[in-house]
């Protein structure tokens, strides 16, 4: 089996865990124990609260939650998968291209506006 690097610490290992990114077990354990980050299970449980409405351009506004230091995610009701987006610009909110792989998705053509529901326990405005 070939070795790969952990996306967080850079440690080379054969046993990486897919938790929105490739992680070694020590980084995964730290991430799971960090209450500011949400798990895939949590995101799936929130799927009925995901669509918040529509903006003035008729883009869907999607509730998302932090899944790592610079990533947010939500459970897509069309793909039945978690979609994650980074925020390299320092702001998790705003329009994003859809990560949908389902051609029947209402988000596929328009994308969506993300609205992060938690930043260190507080709503991000």
PDB file of N, CA and C in Angstrom:
ATOM      1  N   UNK A   1       0.860  -1.185   0.000  1.00  0.00           N
ATOM      2  CA  UNK A   1       0.000   0.000   0.000  1.00  0.00           C
ATOM      3  C   UNK A   1       0.904   1.246   0.000  1.00  0.00           C
ATOM      4  N   UNK A   2       0.590   2.209  -0.811  1.00  0.00           N
ATOM      5  CA  UNK A   2       1.412   3.419  -0.878  1.00  0.00           C
ATOM      6  C   UNK A   2       1.052   4.375   0.260  1.00  0.00           C
ATOM      7  N   UNK A   3       2.037   5.143   0.663  1.00  0.00           N
ATOM      8  CA  UNK A   3       1.818   6.098   1.740  1.00  0.00           C
ATOM      9  C   UNK A   3       1.396   7.441   1.169  1.00  0.00           C
ATOM     10  N   UNK A   4       0.574   8.142   1.921  1.00  0.00           N
ATOM     11  CA  UNK A   4       0.130   9.480   1.571  1.00  0.00           C
ATOM     12  C   UNK A   4       0.360  10.381   2.759  1.00  0.00           C
ATOM     13  N   UNK A   5       0.247  11.684   2.536  1.00  0.00           N
ATOM     14  CA  UNK A   5       0.462  12.650   3.614  1.00  0.00           C
ATOM     15  C   UNK A   5      -0.861  13.123   4.191  1.00  0.00           C
ATOM     16  N   UNK A   6      -0.862  13.312   5.508  1.00  0.00           N
ATOM     17  CA  UNK A   6      -2.005  13.894   6.202  1.00  0.00           C
ATOM     18  C   UNK A   6      -2.127  15.353   5.758  1.00  0.00           C
ATOM     19  N   UNK A   7      -3.349  15.793   5.447  1.00  0.00           N
ATOM     20  CA  UNK A   7      -3.573  17.167   4.996  1.00  0.00           C
ATOM     21  C   UNK A   7      -3.345  18.198   6.099  1.00  0.00           C
ATOM     22  N   UNK A   8      -3.332  17.764   7.365  1.00  0.00           N
ATOM     23  CA  UNK A   8      -3.168  18.701   8.472  1.00  0.00           C
ATOM     24  C   UNK A   8      -1.716  18.785   8.931  1.00  0.00           C
ATOM     25  N   UNK A   9      -1.128  17.635   9.319  1.00  0.00           N
ATOM     26  CA  UNK A   9       0.228  17.660   9.895  1.00  0.00           C
ATOM     27  C   UNK A   9       1.316  17.290   8.902  1.00  0.00           C
ATOM     28  N   UNK A  10       0.951  16.709   7.763  1.00  0.00           N
ATOM     29  CA  UNK A  10       1.927  16.348   6.741  1.00  0.00           C
ATOM     30  C   UNK A  10       2.614  15.015   6.982  1.00  0.00           C
ATOM     31  N   UNK A  11       2.231  14.303   8.037  1.00  0.00           N
ATOM     32  CA  UNK A  11       2.824  13.010   8.362  1.00  0.00           C
ATOM     33  C   UNK A  11       2.471  11.991   7.279  1.00  0.00           C
ATOM     34  N   UNK A  12       3.502  11.228   6.835  1.00  0.00           N
ATOM     35  CA  UNK A  12       3.259  10.182   5.846  1.00  0.00           C
ATOM     36  C   UNK A  12       2.787   8.926   6.549  1.00  0.00           C
ATOM     37  N   UNK A  13       1.698   8.358   6.072  1.00  0.00           N
ATOM     38  CA  UNK A  13       1.130   7.163   6.683  1.00  0.00           C
ATOM     39  C   UNK A  13       0.309   6.395   5.659  1.00  0.00           C
ATOM     40  N   UNK A  14       0.110   5.113   5.915  1.00  0.00           N
ATOM     41  CA  UNK A  14      -0.739   4.294   5.046  1.00  0.00           C
ATOM     42  C   UNK A  14      -2.193   4.377   5.482  1.00  0.00           C
ATOM     43  N   UNK A  15      -2.435   4.717   6.732  1.00  0.00           N
ATOM     44  CA  UNK A  15      -3.766   4.644   7.320  1.00  0.00           C
ATOM     45  C   UNK A  15      -4.382   6.028   7.467  1.00  0.00           C
ATOM     46  N   UNK A  16      -4.818   6.606   6.368  1.00  0.00           N
ATOM     47  CA  UNK A  16      -5.465   7.907   6.418  1.00  0.00           C
ATOM     48  C   UNK A  16      -6.973   7.743   6.504  1.00  0.00           C
ATOM     49  N   UNK A  17      -7.616   8.680   7.162  1.00  0.00           N
ATOM     50  CA  UNK A  17      -9.058   8.672   7.341  1.00  0.00           C
ATOM     51  C   UNK A  17      -9.644   9.808   6.519  1.00  0.00           C
ATOM     52  N   UNK A  18     -10.726   9.527   5.775  1.00  0.00           N
ATOM     53  CA  UNK A  18     -11.378  10.570   4.980  1.00  0.00           C
ATOM     54  C   UNK A  18     -12.414  11.275   5.835  1.00  0.00           C
ATOM     55  N   UNK A  19     -12.061  12.444   6.339  1.00  0.00           N
ATOM     56  CA  UNK A  19     -12.976  13.258   7.137  1.00  0.00           C
ATOM     57  C   UNK A  19     -13.003  14.636   6.498  1.00  0.00           C
ATOM     58  N   UNK A  20     -13.608  14.746   5.332  1.00  0.00           N
ATOM     59  CA  UNK A  20     -13.641  15.943   4.495  1.00  0.00           C
ATOM     60  C   UNK A  20     -12.265  16.259   3.920  1.00  0.00           C
ATOM     61  N   UNK A  21     -11.241  15.646   4.487  1.00  0.00           N
ATOM     62  CA  UNK A  21      -9.868  15.748   4.001  1.00  0.00           C
ATOM     63  C   UNK A  21      -9.143  14.505   4.498  1.00  0.00           C
ATOM     64  N   UNK A  22      -7.965  14.226   3.966  1.00  0.00           N
ATOM     65  CA  UNK A  22      -7.231  13.045   4.414  1.00  0.00           C
ATOM     66  C   UNK A  22      -6.477  13.362   5.692  1.00  0.00           C
ATOM     67  N   UNK A  23      -6.734  12.582   6.738  1.00  0.00           N
ATOM     68  CA  UNK A  23      -6.156  12.836   8.053  1.00  0.00           C
ATOM     69  C   UNK A  23      -5.509  11.587   8.615  1.00  0.00           C
ATOM     70  N   UNK A  24      -4.379  11.768   9.342  1.00  0.00           N
ATOM     71  CA  UNK A  24      -3.830  10.662  10.109  1.00  0.00           C
ATOM     72  C   UNK A  24      -4.727  10.483  11.337  1.00  0.00           C
ATOM     73  N   UNK A  25      -4.574   9.383  12.044  1.00  0.00           N
ATOM     74  CA  UNK A  25      -5.477   9.092  13.159  1.00  0.00           C
ATOM     75  C   UNK A  25      -5.355  10.105  14.296  1.00  0.00           C
ATOM     76  N   UNK A  26      -4.178  10.616  14.567  1.00  0.00           N
ATOM     77  CA  UNK A  26      -4.060  11.601  15.657  1.00  0.00           C
ATOM     78  C   UNK A  26      -4.755  12.909  15.292  1.00  0.00           C
ATOM     79  N   UNK A  27      -4.649  13.355  14.047  1.00  0.00           N
ATOM     80  CA  UNK A  27      -5.353  14.574  13.619  1.00  0.00           C
ATOM     81  C   UNK A  27      -6.865  14.338  13.585  1.00  0.00           C
ATOM     82  N   UNK A  28      -7.292  13.146  13.148  1.00  0.00           N
ATOM     83  CA  UNK A  28      -8.718  12.818  13.138  1.00  0.00           C
ATOM     84  C   UNK A  28      -9.287  12.854  14.553  1.00  0.00           C
ATOM     85  N   UNK A  29      -8.565  12.256  15.511  1.00  0.00           N
ATOM     86  CA  UNK A  29      -9.047  12.237  16.890  1.00  0.00           C
ATOM     87  C   UNK A  29      -9.158  13.647  17.453  1.00  0.00           C
ATOM     88  N   UNK A  30      -8.218  14.514  17.120  1.00  0.00           N
ATOM     89  CA  UNK A  30      -8.274  15.903  17.580  1.00  0.00           C
ATOM     90  C   UNK A  30      -9.453  16.632  16.944  1.00  0.00           C
ATOM     91  N   UNK A  31      -9.690  16.397  15.664  1.00  0.00           N
ATOM     92  CA  UNK A  31     -10.791  17.050  14.964  1.00  0.00           C
ATOM     93  C   UNK A  31     -12.142  16.579  15.499  1.00  0.00           C
ATOM     94  N   UNK A  32     -12.285  15.265  15.705  1.00  0.00           N
ATOM     95  CA  UNK A  32     -13.549  14.734  16.232  1.00  0.00           C
ATOM     96  C   UNK A  32     -13.842  15.264  17.627  1.00  0.00           C
ATOM     97  N   UNK A  33     -12.802  15.485  18.425  1.00  0.00           N
ATOM     98  CA  UNK A  33     -13.017  15.936  19.799  1.00  0.00           C
ATOM     99  C   UNK A  33     -13.197  17.447  19.895  1.00  0.00           C
ATOM    100  N   UNK A  34     -13.003  18.169  18.789  1.00  0.00           N
ATOM    101  CA  UNK A  34     -13.126  19.618  18.799  1.00  0.00           C
ATOM    102  C   UNK A  34     -14.589  20.005  18.601  1.00  0.00           C
ATOM    103  N   UNK A  35     -15.233  20.582  19.615  1.00  0.00           N
ATOM    104  CA  UNK A  35     -16.667  20.863  19.514  1.00  0.00           C
ATOM    105  C   UNK A  35     -17.045  21.948  18.505  1.00  0.00           C
ATOM    106  N   UNK A  36     -16.064  22.728  18.017  1.00  0.00           N
ATOM    107  CA  UNK A  36     -16.433  23.777  17.063  1.00  0.00           C
ATOM    108  C   UNK A  36     -16.639  23.228  15.653  1.00  0.00           C
ATOM    109  N   UNK A  37     -16.205  21.990  15.385  1.00  0.00           N
ATOM    110  CA  UNK A  37     -16.363  21.401  14.067  1.00  0.00           C
ATOM    111  C   UNK A  37     -17.515  20.403  14.062  1.00  0.00           C
ATOM    112  N   UNK A  38     -18.264  20.366  12.975  1.00  0.00           N
ATOM    113  CA  UNK A  38     -19.414  19.474  12.846  1.00  0.00           C
ATOM    114  C   UNK A  38     -19.028  18.214  12.072  1.00  0.00           C
ATOM    115  N   UNK A  39     -19.700  17.120  12.376  1.00  0.00           N
ATOM    116  CA  UNK A  39     -19.440  15.838  11.725  1.00  0.00           C
ATOM    117  C   UNK A  39     -20.424  15.618  10.574  1.00  0.00           C
ATOM    118  N   UNK A  40     -20.109  14.635   9.732  1.00  0.00           N
ATOM    119  CA  UNK A  40     -21.020  14.283   8.633  1.00  0.00           C
ATOM    120  C   UNK A  40     -22.387  13.894   9.181  1.00  0.00           C
ATOM    121  N   UNK A  41     -22.403  13.173  10.303  1.00  0.00           N
ATOM    122  CA  UNK A  41     -23.669  12.758  10.918  1.00  0.00           C
ATOM    123  C   UNK A  41     -24.508  13.985  11.292  1.00  0.00           C
ATOM    124  N   UNK A  42     -23.874  14.989  11.909  1.00  0.00           N
ATOM    125  CA  UNK A  42     -24.588  16.213  12.278  1.00  0.00           C
ATOM    126  C   UNK A  42     -25.167  16.885  11.039  1.00  0.00           C
ATOM    127  N   UNK A  43     -24.361  17.017   9.985  1.00  0.00           N
ATOM    128  CA  UNK A  43     -24.825  17.680   8.764  1.00  0.00           C
ATOM    129  C   UNK A  43     -26.021  16.951   8.157  1.00  0.00           C
ATOM    130  N   UNK A  44     -25.982  15.627   8.170  1.00  0.00           N
ATOM    131  CA  UNK A  44     -27.098  14.861   7.628  1.00  0.00           C
ATOM    132  C   UNK A  44     -28.356  15.068   8.467  1.00  0.00           C
ATOM    133  N   UNK A  45     -28.193  15.146   9.789  1.00  0.00           N
ATOM    134  CA  UNK A  45     -29.337  15.370  10.675  1.00  0.00           C
ATOM    135  C   UNK A  45     -29.966  16.748  10.461  1.00  0.00           C
ATOM    136  N   UNK A  46     -29.198  17.710   9.949  1.00  0.00           N
ATOM    137  CA  UNK A  46     -29.683  19.076   9.742  1.00  0.00           C
ATOM    138  C   UNK A  46     -30.273  19.306   8.356  1.00  0.00           C
ATOM    139  N   UNK A  47     -30.367  18.266   7.532  1.00  0.00           N
ATOM    140  CA  UNK A  47     -30.765  18.458   6.131  1.00  0.00           C
ATOM    141  C   UNK A  47     -32.122  19.131   5.970  1.00  0.00           C
ATOM    142  N   UNK A  48     -33.036  18.940   6.905  1.00  0.00           N
ATOM    143  CA  UNK A  48     -34.351  19.581   6.786  1.00  0.00           C
ATOM    144  C   UNK A  48     -34.289  21.072   7.119  1.00  0.00           C
ATOM    145  N   UNK A  49     -33.160  21.543   7.655  1.00  0.00           N
ATOM    146  CA  UNK A  49     -32.988  22.958   7.990  1.00  0.00           C
ATOM    147  C   UNK A  49     -32.058  23.673   7.016  1.00  0.00           C
ATOM    148  N   UNK A  50     -31.668  22.998   5.942  1.00  0.00           N
ATOM    149  CA  UNK A  50     -30.624  23.525   5.059  1.00  0.00           C
ATOM    150  C   UNK A  50     -31.081  24.713   4.219  1.00  0.00           C
ATOM    151  N   UNK A  51     -32.221  24.628   3.562  1.00  0.00           N
ATOM    152  CA  UNK A  51     -32.676  25.714   2.689  1.00  0.00           C
ATOM    153  C   UNK A  51     -33.290  26.824   3.543  1.00  0.00           C
ATOM    154  N   UNK A  52     -32.634  27.981   3.563  1.00  0.00           N
ATOM    155  CA  UNK A  52     -33.094  29.109   4.372  1.00  0.00           C
ATOM    156  C   UNK A  52     -34.018  30.041   3.607  1.00  0.00           C
ATOM    157  N   UNK A  53     -33.976  29.992   2.278  1.00  0.00           N
ATOM    158  CA  UNK A  53     -34.783  30.888   1.454  1.00  0.00           C
ATOM    159  C   UNK A  53     -34.042  31.189   0.163  1.00  0.00           C
ATOM    160  N   UNK A  54     -34.347  32.348  -0.426  1.00  0.00           N
ATOM    161  CA  UNK A  54     -33.730  32.740  -1.699  1.00  0.00           C
ATOM    162  C   UNK A  54     -33.315  34.199  -1.608  1.00  0.00           C
ATOM    163  N   UNK A  55     -32.189  34.534  -2.263  1.00  0.00           N
ATOM    164  CA  UNK A  55     -31.751  35.931  -2.254  1.00  0.00           C
ATOM    165  C   UNK A  55     -32.455  36.705  -3.373  1.00  0.00           C
ATOM    166  N   UNK A  56     -32.080  37.971  -3.558  1.00  0.00           N
ATOM    167  CA  UNK A  56     -32.742  38.825  -4.552  1.00  0.00           C
ATOM    168  C   UNK A  56     -32.532  38.348  -5.985  1.00  0.00           C
ATOM    169  N   UNK A  57     -31.456  37.598  -6.233  1.00  0.00           N
ATOM    170  CA  UNK A  57     -31.205  37.032  -7.560  1.00  0.00           C
ATOM    171  C   UNK A  57     -31.812  35.644  -7.718  1.00  0.00           C
ATOM    172  N   UNK A  58     -32.608  35.231  -6.739  1.00  0.00           N
ATOM    173  CA  UNK A  58     -33.283  33.939  -6.722  1.00  0.00           C
ATOM    174  C   UNK A  58     -32.327  32.757  -6.568  1.00  0.00           C
ATOM    175  N   UNK A  59     -31.128  32.996  -5.979  1.00  0.00           N
ATOM    176  CA  UNK A  59     -30.221  31.906  -5.643  1.00  0.00           C
ATOM    177  C   UNK A  59     -30.659  31.319  -4.302  1.00  0.00           C
ATOM    178  N   UNK A  60     -30.648  30.000  -4.174  1.00  0.00           N
ATOM    179  CA  UNK A  60     -30.999  29.413  -2.881  1.00  0.00           C
ATOM    180  C   UNK A  60     -29.951  29.789  -1.820  1.00  0.00           C
ATOM    181  N   UNK A  61     -30.425  30.107  -0.629  1.00  0.00           N
ATOM    182  CA  UNK A  61     -29.545  30.386   0.503  1.00  0.00           C
ATOM    183  C   UNK A  61     -29.493  29.120   1.341  1.00  0.00           C
ATOM    184  N   UNK A  62     -28.287  28.585   1.515  1.00  0.00           N
ATOM    185  CA  UNK A  62     -28.088  27.293   2.155  1.00  0.00           C
ATOM    186  C   UNK A  62     -27.378  27.473   3.493  1.00  0.00           C
ATOM    187  N   UNK A  63     -27.946  26.884   4.537  1.00  0.00           N
ATOM    188  CA  UNK A  63     -27.291  26.863   5.842  1.00  0.00           C
ATOM    189  C   UNK A  63     -26.141  25.870   5.791  1.00  0.00           C
ATOM    190  N   UNK A  64     -24.991  26.280   6.302  1.00  0.00           N
ATOM    191  CA  UNK A  64     -23.840  25.386   6.365  1.00  0.00           C
ATOM    192  C   UNK A  64     -23.204  25.528   7.740  1.00  0.00           C
ATOM    193  N   UNK A  65     -22.329  24.579   8.066  1.00  0.00           N
ATOM    194  CA  UNK A  65     -21.664  24.569   9.358  1.00  0.00           C
ATOM    195  C   UNK A  65     -20.185  24.285   9.161  1.00  0.00           C
ATOM    196  N   UNK A  66     -19.367  24.699  10.111  1.00  0.00           N
ATOM    197  CA  UNK A  66     -17.918  24.469  10.041  1.00  0.00           C
ATOM    198  C   UNK A  66     -17.585  22.994  10.140  1.00  0.00           C
ATOM    199  N   UNK A  67     -16.705  22.544   9.275  1.00  0.00           N
ATOM    200  CA  UNK A  67     -16.224  21.169   9.331  1.00  0.00           C
ATOM    201  C   UNK A  67     -14.712  21.113   9.542  1.00  0.00           C
ATOM    202  N   UNK A  68     -14.026  22.235   9.404  1.00  0.00           N
ATOM    203  CA  UNK A  68     -12.600  22.350   9.708  1.00  0.00           C
ATOM    204  C   UNK A  68     -12.287  23.840   9.844  1.00  0.00           C
ATOM    205  N   UNK A  69     -11.007  24.161  10.038  1.00  0.00           N
ATOM    206  CA  UNK A  69     -10.640  25.562  10.258  1.00  0.00           C
ATOM    207  C   UNK A  69     -11.096  26.489   9.139  1.00  0.00           C
ATOM    208  N   UNK A  70     -10.991  26.048   7.892  1.00  0.00           N
ATOM    209  CA  UNK A  70     -11.369  26.903   6.772  1.00  0.00           C
ATOM    210  C   UNK A  70     -12.272  26.194   5.779  1.00  0.00           C
ATOM    211  N   UNK A  71     -13.176  25.355   6.297  1.00  0.00           N
ATOM    212  CA  UNK A  71     -14.145  24.675   5.439  1.00  0.00           C
ATOM    213  C   UNK A  71     -15.503  24.637   6.117  1.00  0.00           C
ATOM    214  N   UNK A  72     -16.540  24.758   5.301  1.00  0.00           N
ATOM    215  CA  UNK A  72     -17.914  24.594   5.765  1.00  0.00           C
ATOM    216  C   UNK A  72     -18.559  23.517   4.917  1.00  0.00           C
ATOM    217  N   UNK A  73     -19.650  22.936   5.426  1.00  0.00           N
ATOM    218  CA  UNK A  73     -20.319  21.891   4.674  1.00  0.00           C
ATOM    219  C   UNK A  73     -21.801  21.847   4.976  1.00  0.00           C
ATOM    220  N   UNK A  74     -22.530  21.176   4.103  1.00  0.00           N
ATOM    221  CA  UNK A  74     -23.952  20.913   4.310  1.00  0.00           C
ATOM    222  C   UNK A  74     -24.305  19.626   3.577  1.00  0.00           C
ATOM    223  N   UNK A  75     -25.403  19.004   3.989  1.00  0.00           N
ATOM    224  CA  UNK A  75     -25.876  17.777   3.356  1.00  0.00           C
ATOM    225  C   UNK A  75     -26.820  18.157   2.227  1.00  0.00           C
ATOM    226  N   UNK A  76     -26.480  17.752   1.013  1.00  0.00           N
ATOM    227  CA  UNK A  76     -27.275  18.085  -0.170  1.00  0.00           C
ATOM    228  C   UNK A  76     -28.413  17.076  -0.337  1.00  0.00           C
ATOM    229  N   UNK A  77     -29.629  17.591  -0.345  1.00  0.00           N
ATOM    230  CA  UNK A  77     -30.795  16.705  -0.470  1.00  0.00           C
ATOM    231  C   UNK A  77     -30.916  16.103  -1.869  1.00  0.00           C
ATOM    232  N   UNK A  78     -30.262  16.689  -2.855  1.00  0.00           N
ATOM    233  CA  UNK A  78     -30.337  16.172  -4.220  1.00  0.00           C
ATOM    234  C   UNK A  78     -29.306  15.069  -4.462  1.00  0.00           C
ATOM    235  N   UNK A  79     -28.093  15.281  -3.990  1.00  0.00           N
ATOM    236  CA  UNK A  79     -27.019  14.304  -4.186  1.00  0.00           C
ATOM    237  C   UNK A  79     -26.981  13.252  -3.093  1.00  0.00           C
ATOM    238  N   UNK A  80     -27.607  13.568  -1.955  1.00  0.00           N
ATOM    239  CA  UNK A  80     -27.550  12.696  -0.775  1.00  0.00           C
ATOM    240  C   UNK A  80     -26.106  12.541  -0.293  1.00  0.00           C
ATOM    241  N   UNK A  81     -25.353  13.655  -0.375  1.00  0.00           N
ATOM    242  CA  UNK A  81     -23.958  13.674   0.062  1.00  0.00           C
ATOM    243  C   UNK A  81     -23.671  15.020   0.719  1.00  0.00           C
ATOM    244  N   UNK A  82     -22.589  15.037   1.479  1.00  0.00           N
ATOM    245  CA  UNK A  82     -22.118  16.291   2.075  1.00  0.00           C
ATOM    246  C   UNK A  82     -21.286  17.035   1.039  1.00  0.00           C
ATOM    247  N   UNK A  83     -21.587  18.315   0.854  1.00  0.00           N
ATOM    248  CA  UNK A  83     -20.763  19.180   0.012  1.00  0.00           C
ATOM    249  C   UNK A  83     -19.966  20.093   0.942  1.00  0.00           C
ATOM    250  N   UNK A  84     -18.691  20.230   0.676  1.00  0.00           N
ATOM    251  CA  UNK A  84     -17.861  21.124   1.482  1.00  0.00           C
ATOM    252  C   UNK A  84     -17.273  22.219   0.594  1.00  0.00           C
ATOM    253  N   UNK A  85     -17.069  23.377   1.188  1.00  0.00           N
ATOM    254  CA  UNK A  85     -16.471  24.516   0.497  1.00  0.00           C
ATOM    255  C   UNK A  85     -15.466  25.173   1.426  1.00  0.00           C
ATOM    256  N   UNK A  86     -14.350  25.585   0.870  1.00  0.00           N
ATOM    257  CA  UNK A  86     -13.356  26.323   1.633  1.00  0.00           C
ATOM    258  C   UNK A  86     -13.671  27.800   1.600  1.00  0.00           C
ATOM    259  N   UNK A  87     -12.982  28.533   2.451  1.00  0.00           N
ATOM    260  CA  UNK A  87     -13.141  29.975   2.430  1.00  0.00           C
ATOM    261  C   UNK A  87     -11.775  30.638   2.527  1.00  0.00           C
ATOM    262  N   UNK A  88     -11.031  30.525   1.464  1.00  0.00           N
ATOM    263  CA  UNK A  88      -9.699  31.107   1.411  1.00  0.00           C
ATOM    264  C   UNK A  88      -9.683  32.612   1.579  1.00  0.00           C
ATOM    265  N   UNK A  89     -10.822  33.268   1.303  1.00  0.00           N
ATOM    266  CA  UNK A  89     -10.899  34.723   1.408  1.00  0.00           C
ATOM    267  C   UNK A  89     -11.248  35.187   2.819  1.00  0.00           C
ATOM    268  N   UNK A  90     -11.376  34.255   3.772  1.00  0.00           N
ATOM    269  CA  UNK A  90     -11.683  34.632   5.150  1.00  0.00           C
ATOM    270  C   UNK A  90     -13.168  34.733   5.447  1.00  0.00           C
ATOM    271  N   UNK A  91     -14.027  34.508   4.452  1.00  0.00           N
ATOM    272  CA  UNK A  91     -15.465  34.619   4.667  1.00  0.00           C
ATOM    273  C   UNK A  91     -16.150  33.353   4.166  1.00  0.00           C
ATOM    274  N   UNK A  92     -16.806  32.586   5.065  1.00  0.00           N
ATOM    275  CA  UNK A  92     -17.471  31.366   4.620  1.00  0.00           C
ATOM    276  C   UNK A  92     -18.777  31.621   3.875  1.00  0.00           C
ATOM    277  N   UNK A  93     -19.310  32.835   3.989  1.00  0.00           N
ATOM    278  CA  UNK A  93     -20.595  33.154   3.374  1.00  0.00           C
ATOM    279  C   UNK A  93     -20.417  33.644   1.937  1.00  0.00           C
ATOM    280  N   UNK A  94     -21.478  33.478   1.150  1.00  0.00           N
ATOM    281  CA  UNK A  94     -21.453  34.001  -0.209  1.00  0.00           C
ATOM    282  C   UNK A  94     -21.784  32.941  -1.238  1.00  0.00           C
ATOM    283  N   UNK A  95     -21.867  33.372  -2.495  1.00  0.00           N
ATOM    284  CA  UNK A  95     -22.237  32.484  -3.595  1.00  0.00           C
ATOM    285  C   UNK A  95     -21.109  31.515  -3.904  1.00  0.00           C
ATOM    286  N   UNK A  96     -21.499  30.261  -4.136  1.00  0.00           N
ATOM    287  CA  UNK A  96     -20.544  29.219  -4.520  1.00  0.00           C
ATOM    288  C   UNK A  96     -21.125  28.423  -5.683  1.00  0.00           C
ATOM    289  N   UNK A  97     -20.252  27.899  -6.526  1.00  0.00           N
ATOM    290  CA  UNK A  97     -20.677  26.956  -7.565  1.00  0.00           C
ATOM    291  C   UNK A  97     -21.067  25.664  -6.873  1.00  0.00           C
ATOM    292  N   UNK A  98     -22.094  25.014  -7.369  1.00  0.00           N
ATOM    293  CA  UNK A  98     -22.578  23.778  -6.757  1.00  0.00           C
ATOM    294  C   UNK A  98     -21.580  22.648  -6.955  1.00  0.00           C
ATOM    295  N   UNK A  99     -21.482  21.808  -5.961  1.00  0.00           N
ATOM    296  CA  UNK A  99     -20.677  20.598  -6.049  1.00  0.00           C
ATOM    297  C   UNK A  99     -21.555  19.392  -6.352  1.00  0.00           C
ATOM    298  N   UNK A 100     -22.739  19.633  -6.877  1.00  0.00           N
ATOM    299  CA  UNK A 100     -23.699  18.564  -7.148  1.00  0.00           C
ATOM    300  C   UNK A 100     -23.248  17.715  -8.335  1.00  0.00           C
ATOM    301  N   UNK A 101     -23.465  16.416  -8.194  1.00  0.00           N
ATOM    302  CA  UNK A 101     -23.193  15.485  -9.290  1.00  0.00           C
ATOM    303  C   UNK A 101     -24.482  14.843  -9.776  1.00  0.00           C
ATOM    304  N   UNK A 102     -25.585  15.448  -9.411  1.00  0.00           N
ATOM    305  CA  UNK A 102     -26.894  14.962  -9.800  1.00  0.00           C
ATOM    306  C   UNK A 102     -27.482  15.980 -10.785  1.00  0.00           C
ATOM    307  N   UNK A 103     -27.715  15.561 -12.014  1.00  0.00           N
ATOM    308  CA  UNK A 103     -28.211  16.494 -13.038  1.00  0.00           C
ATOM    309  C   UNK A 103     -29.615  17.014 -12.718  1.00  0.00           C
ATOM    310  N   UNK A 104     -30.336  16.351 -11.818  1.00  0.00           N
ATOM    311  CA  UNK A 104     -31.663  16.811 -11.410  1.00  0.00           C
ATOM    312  C   UNK A 104     -31.607  17.824 -10.273  1.00  0.00           C
ATOM    313  N   UNK A 105     -30.413  18.159  -9.828  1.00  0.00           N
ATOM    314  CA  UNK A 105     -30.267  19.074  -8.698  1.00  0.00           C
ATOM    315  C   UNK A 105     -30.693  20.488  -9.080  1.00  0.00           C
ATOM    316  N   UNK A 106     -31.473  21.100  -8.204  1.00  0.00           N
ATOM    317  CA  UNK A 106     -31.870  22.495  -8.416  1.00  0.00           C
ATOM    318  C   UNK A 106     -30.689  23.434  -8.238  1.00  0.00           C
ATOM    319  N   UNK A 107     -29.626  22.968  -7.600  1.00  0.00           N
ATOM    320  CA  UNK A 107     -28.449  23.810  -7.347  1.00  0.00           C
ATOM    321  C   UNK A 107     -27.435  23.751  -8.492  1.00  0.00           C
ATOM    322  N   UNK A 108     -27.530  22.737  -9.337  1.00  0.00           N
ATOM    323  CA  UNK A 108     -26.501  22.474 -10.339  1.00  0.00           C
ATOM    324  C   UNK A 108     -26.263  23.646 -11.285  1.00  0.00           C
ATOM    325  N   UNK A 109     -27.305  24.276 -11.763  1.00  0.00           N
ATOM    326  CA  UNK A 109     -27.152  25.356 -12.742  1.00  0.00           C
ATOM    327  C   UNK A 109     -26.883  26.724 -12.106  1.00  0.00           C
ATOM    328  N   UNK A 110     -27.476  26.980 -10.940  1.00  0.00           N
ATOM    329  CA  UNK A 110     -27.383  28.311 -10.339  1.00  0.00           C
ATOM    330  C   UNK A 110     -26.322  28.441  -9.258  1.00  0.00           C
ATOM    331  N   UNK A 111     -25.937  27.322  -8.652  1.00  0.00           N
ATOM    332  CA  UNK A 111     -25.102  27.391  -7.461  1.00  0.00           C
ATOM    333  C   UNK A 111     -25.969  27.771  -6.276  1.00  0.00           C
ATOM    334  N   UNK A 112     -25.337  28.238  -5.196  1.00  0.00           N
ATOM    335  CA  UNK A 112     -26.082  28.592  -3.995  1.00  0.00           C
ATOM    336  C   UNK A 112     -25.297  29.610  -3.187  1.00  0.00           C
ATOM    337  N   UNK A 113     -25.993  30.278  -2.295  1.00  0.00           N
ATOM    338  CA  UNK A 113     -25.378  31.235  -1.389  1.00  0.00           C
ATOM    339  C   UNK A 113     -25.255  30.543  -0.037  1.00  0.00           C
ATOM    340  N   UNK A 114     -24.033  30.428   0.471  1.00  0.00           N
ATOM    341  CA  UNK A 114     -23.820  29.787   1.769  1.00  0.00           C
ATOM    342  C   UNK A 114     -23.975  30.797   2.892  1.00  0.00           C
ATOM    343  N   UNK A 115     -24.571  30.356   3.980  1.00  0.00           N
ATOM    344  CA  UNK A 115     -24.732  31.171   5.185  1.00  0.00           C
ATOM    345  C   UNK A 115     -24.300  30.309   6.372  1.00  0.00           C
ATOM    346  N   UNK A 116     -23.081  30.557   6.849  1.00  0.00           N
ATOM    347  CA  UNK A 116     -22.517  29.756   7.931  1.00  0.00           C
ATOM    348  C   UNK A 116     -23.300  29.986   9.227  1.00  0.00           C
ATOM    349  N   UNK A 117     -23.687  28.898   9.868  1.00  0.00           N
ATOM    350  CA  UNK A 117     -24.509  28.964  11.070  1.00  0.00           C
ATOM    351  C   UNK A 117     -23.694  28.979  12.356  1.00  0.00           C
ATOM    352  N   UNK A 118     -22.398  28.734  12.252  1.00  0.00           N
ATOM    353  CA  UNK A 118     -21.585  28.722  13.470  1.00  0.00           C
ATOM    354  C   UNK A 118     -20.143  29.136  13.203  1.00  0.00           C
ATOM    355  N   UNK A 119     -19.715  30.107  13.912  1.00  0.00           N
ATOM    356  CA  UNK A 119     -18.306  30.489  13.933  1.00  0.00           C
ATOM    357  C   UNK A 119     -17.944  30.555  15.416  1.00  0.00           C
ATOM    358  N   UNK A 120     -17.233  29.540  15.866  1.00  0.00           N
ATOM    359  CA  UNK A 120     -16.882  29.433  17.287  1.00  0.00           C
ATOM    360  C   UNK A 120     -18.102  29.612  18.175  1.00  0.00           C
ATOM    361  N   UNK A 121     -19.212  28.996  17.759  1.00  0.00           N
ATOM    362  CA  UNK A 121     -20.425  29.013  18.562  1.00  0.00           C
ATOM    363  C   UNK A 121     -21.331  30.192  18.321  1.00  0.00           C
ATOM    364  N   UNK A 122     -20.938  31.139  17.452  1.00  0.00           N
ATOM    365  CA  UNK A 122     -21.772  32.305  17.186  1.00  0.00           C
ATOM    366  C   UNK A 122     -22.152  32.337  15.714  1.00  0.00           C
ATOM    367  N   UNK A 123     -23.313  32.848  15.428  1.00  0.00           N
ATOM    368  CA  UNK A 123     -23.739  32.994  14.023  1.00  0.00           C
ATOM    369  C   UNK A 123     -22.829  33.971  13.310  1.00  0.00           C
ATOM    370  N   UNK A 124     -22.422  33.647  12.097  1.00  0.00           N
ATOM    371  CA  UNK A 124     -21.577  34.536  11.294  1.00  0.00           C
ATOM    372  C   UNK A 124     -22.483  35.386  10.417  1.00  0.00           C
ATOM    373  N   UNK A 125     -22.434  36.660  10.591  1.00  0.00           N
ATOM    374  CA  UNK A 125     -23.317  37.555   9.832  1.00  0.00           C
ATOM    375  C   UNK A 125     -22.622  38.071   8.598  1.00  0.00           C
TER     376      UNK A 125
END
